[in-house]
C-alpha atoms as a PDB file:
ATOM      1  CA  MET A   1       0.213   0.095   0.193  1.00  0.00           C
ATOM      2  CA  ILE A   2       2.729   2.813   0.949  1.00  0.00           C
ATOM      3  CA  TYR A   3       4.198   1.440  -2.653  1.00  0.00           C
ATOM      4  CA  ILE A   4       1.269   3.042  -4.171  1.00  0.00           C
ATOM      5  CA  LYS A   5       0.812   5.585  -1.835  1.00  0.00           C
ATOM      6  CA  LEU A   6       4.361   6.722  -3.308  1.00  0.00           C
ATOM      7  CA  LEU A   7       3.789   6.318  -6.533  1.00  0.00           C
ATOM      8  CA  ILE A   8       1.153   8.396  -6.472  1.00  0.00           C
ATOM      9  CA  SER A   9       1.975  11.336  -4.222  1.00  0.00           C
ATOM     10  CA  PHE A  10       5.379  11.661  -6.450  1.00  0.00           C
ATOM     11  CA  PHE A  11       3.266  10.714  -9.616  1.00  0.00           C
ATOM     12  CA  GLN A  12       1.305  13.721  -8.186  1.00  0.00           C
ATOM     13  CA  ILE A  13       4.407  15.781  -8.224  1.00  0.00           C
ATOM     14  CA  GLY A  14       5.948  15.232 -11.245  1.00  0.00           C
ATOM     15  CA  LEU A  15       2.479  16.047 -12.961  1.00  0.00           C
ATOM     16  CA  PHE A  16       2.696  19.279 -11.302  1.00  0.00           C
ATOM     17  CA  SER A  17       6.480  20.756 -11.504  1.00  0.00           C
ATOM     18  CA  ILE A  18       5.806  23.222 -14.340  1.00  0.00           C
ATOM     19  CA  GLY A  19       9.342  25.180 -14.348  1.00  0.00           C
ATOM     20  CA  GLY A  20      12.083  22.527 -12.802  1.00  0.00           C
ATOM     21  CA  GLY A  21      12.752  21.342  -9.118  1.00  0.00           C
ATOM     22  CA  TYR A  22      12.509  24.500  -7.445  1.00  0.00           C
ATOM     23  CA  ALA A  23       8.952  25.019  -8.743  1.00  0.00           C
ATOM     24  CA  ALA A  24       8.077  21.419  -7.265  1.00  0.00           C
ATOM     25  CA  LEU A  25       9.236  22.578  -4.013  1.00  0.00           C
ATOM     26  CA  PRO A  26       6.326  23.852  -2.257  1.00  0.00           C
ATOM     27  CA  LEU A  27       4.628  20.889  -4.079  1.00  0.00           C
ATOM     28  CA  ILE A  28       7.289  18.069  -2.689  1.00  0.00           C
ATOM     29  CA  GLU A  29       6.733  20.157   0.925  1.00  0.00           C
ATOM     30  CA  GLU A  30       2.242  19.940   1.012  1.00  0.00           C
ATOM     31  CA  GLN A  31       3.367  16.277  -0.434  1.00  0.00           C
ATOM     32  CA  VAL A  32       5.601  15.012   1.969  1.00  0.00           C
ATOM     33  CA  VAL A  33       4.794  17.287   4.611  1.00  0.00           C
ATOM     34  CA  GLU A  34       1.413  18.587   5.026  1.00  0.00           C
ATOM     35  CA  LEU A  35      -0.694  15.553   3.779  1.00  0.00           C
ATOM     36  CA  ASN A  36       1.005  12.536   4.272  1.00  0.00           C
ATOM     37  CA  GLY A  37       3.535  13.569   7.289  1.00  0.00           C
ATOM     38  CA  TRP A  38       6.349  11.201   5.787  1.00  0.00           C
ATOM     39  CA  LEU A  39       9.156  13.962   6.997  1.00  0.00           C
ATOM     40  CA  THR A  40       8.680  17.148   9.917  1.00  0.00           C
ATOM     41  CA  ALA A  41       9.280  21.034   8.497  1.00  0.00           C
ATOM     42  CA  ASN A  42      12.576  20.162   9.957  1.00  0.00           C
ATOM     43  CA  GLU A  43      13.403  17.468   7.774  1.00  0.00           C
ATOM     44  CA  PHE A  44      12.016  18.857   4.543  1.00  0.00           C
ATOM     45  CA  THR A  45      14.254  21.456   5.254  1.00  0.00           C
ATOM     46  CA  ASP A  46      17.552  19.161   5.290  1.00  0.00           C
ATOM     47  CA  LEU A  47      16.167  18.074   2.825  1.00  0.00           C
ATOM     48  CA  ILE A  48      16.936  20.237   0.193  1.00  0.00           C
ATOM     49  CA  THR A  49      19.429  20.895   1.312  1.00  0.00           C
ATOM     50  CA  ILE A  50      20.503  17.281   1.172  1.00  0.00           C
ATOM     51  CA  SER A  51      19.344  17.543  -2.865  1.00  0.00           C
ATOM     52  CA  GLN A  52      20.887  20.559  -2.824  1.00  0.00           C
ATOM     53  CA  MET A  53      24.352  18.954  -2.372  1.00  0.00           C
ATOM     54  CA  THR A  54      23.602  16.011  -4.537  1.00  0.00           C
ATOM     55  CA  PRO A  55      24.171  15.754  -8.382  1.00  0.00           C
ATOM     56  CA  GLY A  56      21.046  15.748  -9.988  1.00  0.00           C
ATOM     57  CA  PRO A  57      17.699  17.012 -10.042  1.00  0.00           C
ATOM     58  CA  ILE A  58      16.039  18.743  -6.951  1.00  0.00           C
ATOM     59  CA  ALA A  59      12.884  16.301  -7.382  1.00  0.00           C
ATOM     60  CA  ILE A  60      14.430  13.538  -8.032  1.00  0.00           C
ATOM     61  CA  ASN A  61      16.525  13.188  -5.418  1.00  0.00           C
ATOM     62  CA  ALA A  62      14.016  14.275  -3.314  1.00  0.00           C
ATOM     63  CA  ALA A  63      12.015  11.359  -4.305  1.00  0.00           C
ATOM     64  CA  SER A  64      14.924   9.529  -4.176  1.00  0.00           C
ATOM     65  CA  PHE A  65      15.754  10.564  -0.228  1.00  0.00           C
ATOM     66  CA  VAL A  66      12.164   9.870   0.811  1.00  0.00           C
ATOM     67  CA  GLY A  67      11.112   6.853  -0.582  1.00  0.00           C
ATOM     68  CA  ASN A  68      14.341   5.383   0.586  1.00  0.00           C
ATOM     69  CA  GLN A  69      13.306   7.118   4.185  1.00  0.00           C
ATOM     70  CA  ILE A  70       9.611   5.610   3.551  1.00  0.00           C
ATOM     71  CA  ALA A  71       9.917   2.314   2.593  1.00  0.00           C
ATOM     72  CA  GLY A  72      13.659   1.251   1.855  1.00  0.00           C
ATOM     73  CA  PRO A  73      14.995   0.726  -2.263  1.00  0.00           C
ATOM     74  CA  LEU A  74      12.282   0.120  -3.504  1.00  0.00           C
ATOM     75  CA  GLY A  75      10.344   2.776  -2.022  1.00  0.00           C
ATOM     76  CA  ALA A  76      13.206   5.012  -3.836  1.00  0.00           C
ATOM     77  CA  ILE A  77      12.720   3.432  -7.271  1.00  0.00           C
ATOM     78  CA  ILE A  78       9.146   4.190  -7.106  1.00  0.00           C
ATOM     79  CA  SER A  79       8.718   7.553  -5.547  1.00  0.00           C
ATOM     80  CA  THR A  80      11.505   8.352  -8.558  1.00  0.00           C
ATOM     81  CA  LEU A  81       9.678   6.200 -11.438  1.00  0.00           C
ATOM     82  CA  GLY A  82       6.460   8.258 -10.160  1.00  0.00           C
ATOM     83  CA  CYS A  83       8.007  11.926 -10.232  1.00  0.00           C
ATOM     84  CA  ILE A  84       9.124  11.619 -13.563  1.00  0.00           C
ATOM     85  CA  LEU A  85       6.630   9.337 -15.617  1.00  0.00           C
ATOM     86  CA  PRO A  86       4.279  12.493 -15.668  1.00  0.00           C
ATOM     87  CA  SER A  87       7.206  14.384 -17.487  1.00  0.00           C
ATOM     88  CA  TYR A  88       8.408  11.370 -20.327  1.00  0.00           C
ATOM     89  CA  ILE A  89       4.475  11.255 -21.072  1.00  0.00           C
ATOM     90  CA  ILE A  90       3.770  15.017 -20.895  1.00  0.00           C
ATOM     91  CA  VAL A  91       7.727  15.978 -23.045  1.00  0.00           C
ATOM     92  CA  MET A  92       6.757  13.501 -25.550  1.00  0.00           C
ATOM     93  CA  ILE A  93       3.097  14.392 -26.407  1.00  0.00           C
ATOM     94  CA  LEU A  94       4.190  18.720 -25.980  1.00  0.00           C
ATOM     95  CA  ALA A  95       7.554  17.640 -28.646  1.00  0.00           C
ATOM     96  CA  TYR A  96       5.228  16.485 -31.204  1.00  0.00           C
ATOM     97  CA  PHE A  97       2.113  19.109 -30.821  1.00  0.00           C
ATOM     98  CA  TYR A  98       5.302  21.151 -30.940  1.00  0.00           C
ATOM     99  CA  PHE A  99       7.127  20.648 -33.797  1.00  0.00           C
ATOM    100  CA  LYS A 100       4.150  19.927 -35.535  1.00  0.00           C
ATOM    101  CA  TYR A 101       2.306  23.315 -34.463  1.00  0.00           C
ATOM    102  CA  LYS A 102       5.013  25.501 -33.274  1.00  0.00           C
ATOM    103  CA  ASN A 103       4.492  28.578 -35.416  1.00  0.00           C
ATOM    104  CA  ILE A 104       1.101  29.249 -34.133  1.00  0.00           C
ATOM    105  CA  LYS A 105       1.447  32.911 -31.945  1.00  0.00           C
ATOM    106  CA  ILE A 106      -1.105  30.812 -29.080  1.00  0.00           C
ATOM    107  CA  ILE A 107       1.299  28.751 -28.932  1.00  0.00           C
ATOM    108  CA  GLN A 108       4.162  31.261 -27.965  1.00  0.00           C
ATOM    109  CA  GLY A 109       1.396  32.957 -26.102  1.00  0.00           C
ATOM    110  CA  VAL A 110       0.762  30.138 -23.219  1.00  0.00           C
ATOM    111  CA  LEU A 111       4.629  29.443 -23.541  1.00  0.00           C
ATOM    112  CA  GLY A 112       4.825  33.286 -22.320  1.00  0.00           C
ATOM    113  CA  GLY A 113       2.091  32.586 -19.953  1.00  0.00           C
ATOM    114  CA  LEU A 114       3.378  29.914 -17.906  1.00  0.00           C
ATOM    115  CA  ARG A 115       6.767  31.541 -17.260  1.00  0.00           C
ATOM    116  CA  PRO A 116       5.394  34.347 -14.157  1.00  0.00           C
ATOM    117  CA  ALA A 117       3.907  31.345 -12.628  1.00  0.00           C
ATOM    118  CA  VAL A 118       6.641  29.214 -12.418  1.00  0.00           C
ATOM    119  CA  VAL A 119       8.943  32.058 -10.823  1.00  0.00           C
ATOM    120  CA  ALA A 120       5.799  33.218  -8.077  1.00  0.00           C
ATOM    121  CA  LEU A 121       6.403  29.215  -7.883  1.00  0.00           C
ATOM    122  CA  ILE A 122      10.107  29.289  -7.049  1.00  0.00           C
ATOM    123  CA  ALA A 123       9.614  32.414  -5.171  1.00  0.00           C
ATOM    124  CA  SER A 124       7.330  30.402  -2.206  1.00  0.00           C
ATOM    125  CA  ALA A 125       9.334  27.938  -1.661  1.00  0.00           C
ATOM    126  CA  GLY A 126      12.435  30.140  -1.679  1.00  0.00           C
ATOM    127  CA  PHE A 127       9.882  31.833   0.931  1.00  0.00           C
ATOM    128  CA  SER A 128       9.352  29.048   3.155  1.00  0.00           C
ATOM    129  CA  ILE A 129      12.916  27.326   2.946  1.00  0.00           C
ATOM    130  CA  LEU A 130      13.778  30.967   4.387  1.00  0.00           C
ATOM    131  CA  VAL A 131      11.099  31.158   7.361  1.00  0.00           C
ATOM    132  CA  THR A 132      11.726  27.630   8.328  1.00  0.00           C
ATOM    133  CA  ALA A 133      15.673  28.329   8.699  1.00  0.00           C
ATOM    134  CA  LEU A 134      14.894  31.787  10.892  1.00  0.00           C
ATOM    135  CA  TRP A 135      12.509  30.335  12.643  1.00  0.00           C
ATOM    136  CA  GLY A 136      11.844  27.042  12.740  1.00  0.00           C
ATOM    137  CA  GLU A 137       8.837  25.284  12.550  1.00  0.00           C
ATOM    138  CA  THR A 138       6.619  27.529  13.900  1.00  0.00           C
ATOM    139  CA  GLY A 139       6.816  29.850  11.545  1.00  0.00           C
ATOM    140  CA  ILE A 140       6.542  33.842  11.168  1.00  0.00           C
ATOM    141  CA  SER A 141       6.489  35.163  14.555  1.00  0.00           C
ATOM    142  CA  ALA A 142       6.218  39.011  15.191  1.00  0.00           C
ATOM    143  CA  LYS A 143       8.690  38.546  18.352  1.00  0.00           C
ATOM    144  CA  LEU A 144      12.354  38.820  17.465  1.00  0.00           C
ATOM    145  CA  SER A 145      13.112  36.143  20.174  1.00  0.00           C
ATOM    146  CA  ASP A 146      12.506  33.690  18.181  1.00  0.00           C
ATOM    147  CA  ILE A 147      13.993  34.340  14.892  1.00  0.00           C
ATOM    148  CA  ASP A 148      17.434  31.804  15.051  1.00  0.00           C
ATOM    149  CA  PRO A 149      20.326  34.410  14.646  1.00  0.00           C
ATOM    150  CA  VAL A 150      22.712  32.254  14.090  1.00  0.00           C
ATOM    151  CA  ALA A 151      21.083  31.079  11.038  1.00  0.00           C
ATOM    152  CA  VAL A 152      20.666  34.897  10.431  1.00  0.00           C
ATOM    153  CA  ILE A 153      23.993  35.743  10.340  1.00  0.00           C
ATOM    154  CA  LEU A 154      24.772  32.606   7.918  1.00  0.00           C
ATOM    155  CA  PHE A 155      22.164  33.342   5.647  1.00  0.00           C
ATOM    156  CA  ALA A 156      23.421  37.380   4.987  1.00  0.00           C
ATOM    157  CA  ILE A 157      26.951  35.537   5.064  1.00  0.00           C
ATOM    158  CA  SER A 158      26.395  33.278   2.411  1.00  0.00           C
ATOM    159  CA  LEU A 159      24.462  35.553  -0.053  1.00  0.00           C
ATOM    160  CA  PHE A 160      27.220  38.419   0.577  1.00  0.00           C
ATOM    161  CA  ILE A 161      29.661  36.283  -1.243  1.00  0.00           C
ATOM    162  CA  LEU A 162      27.444  34.648  -2.977  1.00  0.00           C
ATOM    163  CA  ARG A 163      26.492  37.994  -4.630  1.00  0.00           C
ATOM    164  CA  LYS A 164      29.638  39.982  -4.021  1.00  0.00           C
ATOM    165  CA  PHE A 165      32.559  37.511  -4.961  1.00  0.00           C
ATOM    166  CA  LYS A 166      30.223  34.896  -7.184  1.00  0.00           C
ATOM    167  CA  VAL A 167      31.810  31.719  -5.486  1.00  0.00           C
ATOM    168  CA  ASN A 168      30.951  28.690  -5.910  1.00  0.00           C
ATOM    169  CA  GLN A 169      27.440  27.409  -4.625  1.00  0.00           C
ATOM    170  CA  ILE A 170      29.091  24.081  -3.281  1.00  0.00           C
ATOM    171  CA  MET A 171      31.345  25.697  -1.483  1.00  0.00           C
ATOM    172  CA  VAL A 172      29.445  28.163  -0.023  1.00  0.00           C
ATOM    173  CA  MET A 173      27.308  25.776   0.990  1.00  0.00           C
ATOM    174  CA  LEU A 174      30.004  22.886   2.815  1.00  0.00           C
ATOM    175  CA  GLY A 175      31.252  26.256   4.744  1.00  0.00           C
ATOM    176  CA  THR A 176      28.155  27.227   5.717  1.00  0.00           C
ATOM    177  CA  GLY A 177      27.942  24.014   6.739  1.00  0.00           C
ATOM    178  CA  VAL A 178      30.651  23.186   8.987  1.00  0.00           C
ATOM    179  CA  ALA A 179      30.127  27.191  10.639  1.00  0.00           C
ATOM    180  CA  GLY A 180      26.768  25.634  11.530  1.00  0.00           C
ATOM    181  CA  ALA A 181      27.688  22.573  12.716  1.00  0.00           C
ATOM    182  CA  ALA A 182      30.717  24.393  14.573  1.00  0.00           C
ATOM    183  CA  VAL A 183      28.517  27.143  16.594  1.00  0.00           C
ATOM    184  CA  TYR A 184      25.606  24.727  17.382  1.00  0.00           C
ATOM    185  CA  LEU A 185      27.909  22.317  18.750  1.00  0.00           C
ATOM    186  CA  MET A 186      29.594  24.925  21.392  1.00  0.00           C
ATOM    187  CA  MET A 187      26.226  26.499  21.829  1.00  0.00           C
ATOM    188  CA  GLY A 188      24.515  22.501  23.129  1.00  0.00           C
ATOM    189  CA  ARG A 189      22.064  22.613  19.846  1.00  0.00           C
END
């Protein structure tokens, strides 16, 4: 039964993940955290971190990770298959119609209309991760004392380094991971 549930959940994620991995994050979070309760919000944030650090698309990495956590290696395979199957089917159908009708203005209009929605999905996922990183699972709070100052400092330093020096993102992630581990260990957390 869990295999069918994993397949259906990740099939839905794959079906509605227009715009790539970052656009899929809100959908993954809804299925994995909110609807099925397979992971907590903190575990989901860790999942995103792990998915970013490993090679490959984030949605596929997330599907593999969640499937493995819930139902072992077979669960990982089924979740990953569920995630990629809709894309495979849709791309084959769209490729046929695109090459047949690519010069029609309405097709170009539809593609142009999807771009802002994809940007909104990516922004929503980024905001959700930022809230979890800075405030934890409770979400945004009016009290400044609820904000994790270490997370704010690491975020600010990382953003500054990425924007100012154009350093490789993996190096920044590794550096902040090491710095965060050191600081949190010293604080006893």
